[in-house]
N, C-alpha and C. Protein backbone atom coordinates (compact mmCIF):
# COMPACT_ATOMS: atom_id res chain seq x y z
N MET A 1 18.63 8.71 9.08
CA MET A 1 17.66 8.21 8.11
C MET A 1 16.93 9.48 7.44
N LEU A 2 16.61 10.49 8.21
CA LEU A 2 15.95 11.59 7.72
C LEU A 2 16.69 12.26 6.66
N PHE A 3 18.08 12.38 6.74
CA PHE A 3 18.89 12.99 5.73
C PHE A 3 18.79 12.15 4.46
N TYR A 4 18.76 10.83 4.58
CA TYR A 4 18.66 9.97 3.34
C TYR A 4 17.34 10.31 2.67
N PHE A 5 16.24 10.34 3.41
CA PHE A 5 14.91 10.70 2.81
C PHE A 5 14.98 12.06 2.05
N GLN A 6 15.57 13.02 2.71
CA GLN A 6 15.62 14.42 2.14
C GLN A 6 16.47 14.33 0.78
N ARG A 7 17.59 13.63 0.79
CA ARG A 7 18.36 13.52 -0.41
C ARG A 7 17.63 12.81 -1.55
N LEU A 8 16.94 11.74 -1.20
CA LEU A 8 16.19 10.96 -2.13
C LEU A 8 15.04 11.86 -2.73
N ARG A 9 14.35 12.60 -1.80
CA ARG A 9 13.30 13.45 -2.27
C ARG A 9 13.81 14.56 -3.19
N ASP A 10 14.98 15.15 -2.83
CA ASP A 10 15.60 16.20 -3.64
C ASP A 10 15.85 15.58 -5.06
N ARG A 11 16.38 14.39 -5.11
CA ARG A 11 16.74 13.77 -6.39
C ARG A 11 15.44 13.55 -7.20
N LEU A 12 14.38 13.21 -6.46
CA LEU A 12 13.13 13.03 -7.20
C LEU A 12 12.62 14.37 -7.77
N TYR A 13 12.64 15.42 -6.96
CA TYR A 13 12.11 16.72 -7.49
C TYR A 13 13.04 17.26 -8.69
N LYS A 14 14.34 17.04 -8.54
CA LYS A 14 15.22 17.44 -9.66
C LYS A 14 14.96 16.61 -10.89
N SER A 15 14.65 15.34 -10.73
CA SER A 15 14.32 14.56 -11.97
C SER A 15 13.04 14.95 -12.59
N ILE A 16 12.05 15.30 -11.72
CA ILE A 16 10.78 15.75 -12.25
C ILE A 16 10.99 17.06 -13.09
N ARG A 17 11.75 17.94 -12.52
CA ARG A 17 12.01 19.23 -13.29
C ARG A 17 12.83 18.97 -14.56
N LYS A 18 13.80 18.14 -14.51
CA LYS A 18 14.64 17.87 -15.66
C LYS A 18 13.99 16.98 -16.66
N ASN A 19 13.42 15.81 -16.31
CA ASN A 19 13.02 14.72 -17.13
C ASN A 19 11.53 14.59 -17.27
N GLY A 20 10.76 15.23 -16.42
CA GLY A 20 9.30 15.15 -16.39
C GLY A 20 8.77 14.09 -15.47
N ILE A 21 7.58 14.19 -15.13
CA ILE A 21 7.03 13.35 -14.13
C ILE A 21 6.78 11.91 -14.63
N ASN A 22 6.72 11.72 -15.85
CA ASN A 22 6.43 10.34 -16.38
C ASN A 22 7.69 9.73 -16.98
N SER A 23 8.90 10.18 -16.77
CA SER A 23 10.03 9.65 -17.37
C SER A 23 10.46 8.33 -16.60
N GLU A 24 11.14 7.43 -17.25
CA GLU A 24 11.51 6.21 -16.48
C GLU A 24 12.44 6.53 -15.34
N ILE A 25 13.33 7.48 -15.52
CA ILE A 25 14.29 7.81 -14.41
C ILE A 25 13.47 8.31 -13.15
N THR A 26 12.50 9.20 -13.39
CA THR A 26 11.65 9.73 -12.35
C THR A 26 10.83 8.63 -11.69
N LYS A 27 10.38 7.73 -12.49
CA LYS A 27 9.61 6.61 -11.92
C LYS A 27 10.39 5.68 -11.06
N LYS A 28 11.63 5.46 -11.44
CA LYS A 28 12.52 4.58 -10.71
C LYS A 28 12.90 5.27 -9.30
N ILE A 29 13.21 6.57 -9.30
CA ILE A 29 13.50 7.29 -8.08
C ILE A 29 12.23 7.34 -7.25
N SER A 30 11.11 7.56 -7.80
CA SER A 30 9.90 7.55 -7.09
C SER A 30 9.63 6.25 -6.37
N LYS A 31 9.80 5.18 -7.09
CA LYS A 31 9.55 3.89 -6.57
C LYS A 31 10.58 3.56 -5.41
N ARG A 32 11.83 3.88 -5.55
CA ARG A 32 12.82 3.73 -4.61
C ARG A 32 12.44 4.43 -3.31
N PHE A 33 11.93 5.70 -3.52
CA PHE A 33 11.58 6.54 -2.36
C PHE A 33 10.40 5.84 -1.58
N ASP A 34 9.36 5.44 -2.34
CA ASP A 34 8.15 4.77 -1.77
C ASP A 34 8.56 3.57 -1.01
N GLU A 35 9.40 2.75 -1.62
CA GLU A 35 9.80 1.45 -0.97
C GLU A 35 10.65 1.75 0.27
N THR A 36 11.49 2.72 0.25
CA THR A 36 12.34 3.03 1.42
C THR A 36 11.47 3.56 2.51
N LEU A 37 10.54 4.41 2.19
CA LEU A 37 9.63 4.95 3.17
C LEU A 37 8.69 4.00 3.77
N ASN A 38 8.17 3.02 2.94
CA ASN A 38 7.29 1.92 3.48
C ASN A 38 8.17 0.99 4.42
N LEU A 39 9.39 0.75 3.93
CA LEU A 39 10.25 -0.07 4.82
C LEU A 39 10.48 0.50 6.19
N TYR A 40 10.83 1.77 6.13
CA TYR A 40 11.03 2.54 7.40
C TYR A 40 9.79 2.47 8.34
N TYR A 41 8.72 2.87 7.75
CA TYR A 41 7.51 2.92 8.58
C TYR A 41 6.99 1.53 8.97
N LYS A 42 7.31 0.50 8.16
CA LYS A 42 6.84 -0.83 8.53
C LYS A 42 7.56 -1.22 9.80
N LYS A 43 8.81 -0.88 9.94
CA LYS A 43 9.56 -1.22 11.22
C LYS A 43 8.97 -0.49 12.35
N GLU A 44 8.48 0.77 12.08
CA GLU A 44 7.87 1.59 13.19
C GLU A 44 6.41 1.10 13.51
N ARG A 45 5.73 0.50 12.63
CA ARG A 45 4.33 0.19 12.90
C ARG A 45 4.20 -1.28 13.30
N GLN A 46 4.31 -1.51 14.55
CA GLN A 46 4.18 -2.85 15.09
C GLN A 46 2.90 -2.83 15.91
N TYR A 47 1.88 -3.59 15.48
CA TYR A 47 0.60 -3.66 16.18
C TYR A 47 0.48 -4.86 17.04
N ASN A 48 -0.01 -4.62 18.24
CA ASN A 48 -0.36 -5.68 19.13
C ASN A 48 -1.54 -6.50 18.49
N LYS A 49 -1.52 -7.79 18.53
CA LYS A 49 -2.57 -8.56 17.97
C LYS A 49 -3.93 -8.33 18.49
N ASP A 50 -4.04 -7.76 19.67
CA ASP A 50 -5.29 -7.42 20.26
C ASP A 50 -5.80 -6.04 19.85
N ASN A 51 -4.94 -5.27 19.13
CA ASN A 51 -5.27 -3.91 18.79
C ASN A 51 -6.39 -3.97 17.67
N ILE A 52 -7.34 -3.05 17.89
CA ILE A 52 -8.60 -3.05 16.99
C ILE A 52 -8.18 -2.77 15.49
N ILE A 53 -7.18 -2.01 15.31
CA ILE A 53 -6.70 -1.69 13.99
C ILE A 53 -6.16 -2.91 13.31
N TYR A 54 -5.38 -3.70 14.08
CA TYR A 54 -4.77 -4.95 13.57
C TYR A 54 -5.84 -5.95 13.31
N VAL A 55 -6.91 -6.06 14.23
CA VAL A 55 -7.96 -7.01 13.95
C VAL A 55 -8.78 -6.66 12.69
N LYS A 56 -9.00 -5.30 12.55
CA LYS A 56 -9.77 -4.94 11.30
C LYS A 56 -8.94 -5.08 10.09
N TYR A 57 -7.65 -4.97 10.20
CA TYR A 57 -6.74 -5.22 9.05
C TYR A 57 -6.80 -6.68 8.67
N ILE A 58 -6.70 -7.57 9.60
CA ILE A 58 -6.81 -9.04 9.28
C ILE A 58 -8.14 -9.37 8.69
N GLU A 59 -9.23 -8.80 9.25
CA GLU A 59 -10.62 -9.01 8.63
C GLU A 59 -10.61 -8.46 7.21
N SER A 60 -10.10 -7.32 7.00
CA SER A 60 -10.09 -6.74 5.69
C SER A 60 -9.37 -7.59 4.66
N ILE A 61 -8.15 -8.06 4.99
CA ILE A 61 -7.37 -8.89 4.12
C ILE A 61 -8.03 -10.18 3.83
N ASN A 62 -8.73 -10.81 4.90
CA ASN A 62 -9.43 -12.07 4.63
C ASN A 62 -10.60 -11.81 3.78
N GLU A 63 -11.26 -10.74 3.91
CA GLU A 63 -12.40 -10.44 3.07
C GLU A 63 -12.04 -10.19 1.66
N LEU A 64 -10.93 -9.50 1.43
CA LEU A 64 -10.36 -9.29 0.13
C LEU A 64 -10.12 -10.68 -0.58
N GLY A 65 -9.62 -11.60 0.18
CA GLY A 65 -9.33 -12.99 -0.28
C GLY A 65 -10.66 -13.71 -0.71
N LYS A 66 -11.64 -13.51 0.20
CA LYS A 66 -12.94 -14.12 -0.12
C LYS A 66 -13.58 -13.59 -1.37
N ILE A 67 -13.48 -12.23 -1.53
CA ILE A 67 -14.06 -11.58 -2.72
C ILE A 67 -13.36 -12.09 -3.97
N ASN A 68 -12.06 -12.13 -3.89
CA ASN A 68 -11.18 -12.52 -5.00
C ASN A 68 -11.60 -13.94 -5.38
N LYS A 69 -11.79 -14.83 -4.37
CA LYS A 69 -12.08 -16.22 -4.72
C LYS A 69 -13.50 -16.35 -5.27
N LEU A 70 -14.42 -15.65 -4.65
CA LEU A 70 -15.87 -15.76 -5.05
C LEU A 70 -16.12 -15.28 -6.41
N PHE A 71 -15.45 -14.18 -6.83
CA PHE A 71 -15.79 -13.40 -8.06
C PHE A 71 -14.67 -13.62 -9.15
N SER A 72 -13.65 -14.37 -8.66
CA SER A 72 -12.41 -14.51 -9.52
C SER A 72 -11.87 -13.24 -10.03
N LYS A 73 -12.02 -12.19 -9.19
CA LYS A 73 -11.62 -10.83 -9.60
C LYS A 73 -11.34 -9.99 -8.32
N PHE A 74 -10.14 -9.40 -8.29
CA PHE A 74 -9.84 -8.59 -7.13
C PHE A 74 -10.52 -7.23 -7.35
N PRO A 75 -11.13 -6.71 -6.25
CA PRO A 75 -11.85 -5.50 -6.41
C PRO A 75 -10.97 -4.27 -6.66
N SER A 76 -11.49 -3.30 -7.40
CA SER A 76 -10.78 -2.05 -7.62
C SER A 76 -10.77 -1.29 -6.34
N ILE A 77 -10.00 -0.28 -6.19
CA ILE A 77 -9.95 0.58 -4.96
C ILE A 77 -11.32 1.15 -4.69
N GLU A 78 -12.01 1.61 -5.76
CA GLU A 78 -13.35 2.24 -5.55
C GLU A 78 -14.32 1.26 -5.11
N GLU A 79 -14.33 0.00 -5.76
CA GLU A 79 -15.20 -0.99 -5.31
C GLU A 79 -14.93 -1.47 -3.79
N TRP A 80 -13.73 -1.60 -3.50
CA TRP A 80 -13.30 -1.98 -2.16
C TRP A 80 -13.79 -1.00 -1.16
N ASN A 81 -13.48 0.30 -1.36
CA ASN A 81 -13.84 1.32 -0.41
C ASN A 81 -15.34 1.35 -0.19
N LYS A 82 -16.16 1.15 -1.25
CA LYS A 82 -17.61 1.19 -0.99
C LYS A 82 -18.02 -0.04 -0.15
N TYR A 83 -17.49 -1.25 -0.49
CA TYR A 83 -17.75 -2.49 0.21
C TYR A 83 -17.21 -2.33 1.64
N ALA A 84 -16.01 -1.79 1.87
CA ALA A 84 -15.44 -1.73 3.22
C ALA A 84 -16.31 -0.84 4.12
N LYS A 85 -16.86 0.22 3.53
CA LYS A 85 -17.64 1.24 4.29
C LYS A 85 -18.92 0.54 4.78
N GLU A 86 -19.56 -0.24 3.86
CA GLU A 86 -20.78 -1.04 4.19
C GLU A 86 -20.55 -2.07 5.30
N LYS A 87 -19.37 -2.67 5.23
CA LYS A 87 -19.09 -3.77 6.13
C LYS A 87 -18.21 -3.41 7.30
N GLU A 88 -17.92 -2.09 7.50
CA GLU A 88 -17.11 -1.54 8.52
C GLU A 88 -15.69 -2.17 8.60
N LEU A 89 -15.16 -2.26 7.46
CA LEU A 89 -13.76 -2.79 7.28
C LEU A 89 -12.90 -1.53 6.92
N LEU A 90 -11.61 -1.76 6.84
CA LEU A 90 -10.61 -0.74 6.58
C LEU A 90 -10.70 -0.30 5.11
N SER A 91 -10.48 0.98 4.85
CA SER A 91 -10.43 1.46 3.50
C SER A 91 -9.12 0.99 2.80
N SER A 92 -9.03 1.16 1.49
CA SER A 92 -7.91 0.74 0.75
C SER A 92 -6.66 1.51 1.25
N GLU A 93 -6.76 2.76 1.61
CA GLU A 93 -5.70 3.54 2.11
C GLU A 93 -5.14 2.99 3.39
N SER A 94 -6.01 2.63 4.32
CA SER A 94 -5.59 2.05 5.57
C SER A 94 -4.92 0.70 5.35
N VAL A 95 -5.46 -0.15 4.57
CA VAL A 95 -4.92 -1.43 4.24
C VAL A 95 -3.57 -1.33 3.66
N LYS A 96 -3.43 -0.40 2.72
CA LYS A 96 -2.16 -0.20 2.06
C LYS A 96 -1.08 0.36 3.10
N TYR A 97 -1.52 1.20 3.97
CA TYR A 97 -0.61 1.84 4.88
C TYR A 97 -0.09 0.76 5.89
N ILE A 98 -0.97 -0.01 6.47
CA ILE A 98 -0.67 -1.04 7.46
C ILE A 98 0.21 -2.08 6.77
N SER A 99 -0.12 -2.51 5.57
CA SER A 99 0.61 -3.60 4.93
C SER A 99 1.95 -3.07 4.41
N GLY A 100 2.04 -1.77 4.21
CA GLY A 100 3.24 -1.17 3.59
C GLY A 100 3.36 -1.54 2.15
N SER A 101 2.20 -1.77 1.54
CA SER A 101 2.16 -2.17 0.08
C SER A 101 1.23 -1.32 -0.77
N ASN A 102 1.36 -1.40 -2.01
CA ASN A 102 0.38 -0.74 -2.84
C ASN A 102 -0.71 -1.72 -3.26
N TRP A 103 -1.79 -1.26 -3.84
CA TRP A 103 -2.98 -2.01 -4.12
C TRP A 103 -2.60 -3.24 -5.08
N HIS A 104 -1.79 -2.94 -6.08
CA HIS A 104 -1.32 -3.88 -7.04
C HIS A 104 -0.59 -5.07 -6.39
N TYR A 105 0.30 -4.67 -5.44
CA TYR A 105 1.08 -5.74 -4.81
C TYR A 105 0.17 -6.61 -3.86
N LEU A 106 -0.75 -5.89 -3.16
CA LEU A 106 -1.74 -6.62 -2.37
C LEU A 106 -2.52 -7.60 -3.13
N ARG A 107 -3.01 -7.13 -4.29
CA ARG A 107 -3.77 -8.05 -5.15
C ARG A 107 -2.95 -9.30 -5.55
N ASN A 108 -1.70 -9.10 -5.93
CA ASN A 108 -0.91 -10.23 -6.28
C ASN A 108 -0.65 -11.14 -5.09
N ARG A 109 -0.39 -10.50 -3.95
CA ARG A 109 -0.11 -11.32 -2.71
C ARG A 109 -1.24 -12.15 -2.33
N ILE A 110 -2.46 -11.61 -2.36
CA ILE A 110 -3.76 -12.24 -2.04
C ILE A 110 -4.04 -13.33 -2.96
N LYS A 111 -3.79 -13.09 -4.24
CA LYS A 111 -4.10 -14.14 -5.24
C LYS A 111 -3.19 -15.31 -5.04
N ILE A 112 -1.94 -15.06 -4.65
CA ILE A 112 -1.00 -16.19 -4.41
C ILE A 112 -1.36 -16.97 -3.19
N GLU A 113 -1.68 -16.17 -2.10
CA GLU A 113 -2.00 -16.88 -0.78
C GLU A 113 -3.33 -17.63 -0.79
N LYS A 114 -4.32 -17.14 -1.51
CA LYS A 114 -5.69 -17.78 -1.41
C LYS A 114 -5.84 -18.79 -2.46
């Protein structure tokens, strides 16, 4: 698997040099790399339901759903991080890491679920 990541990363760097960082080809390779990496780590990150990180993750996801429902608006990363710090919840980076998703995907998933 490590070899596959290295090959994909090398393709990404080559595309950045050749096509630029904002080209469609580079974006597709980058997205593929991110998805593959998240899928790999998602298999590795199995949390026991009694684990404090898992408990805080569930609390954070539930709170995001409540905020979305209450204000009819999903918080931005900055808004969430400020709120999470005040309420002792997980930051956006932690939520994204544990879920294996980006903020945009989380927003869509929570809007559908709630």
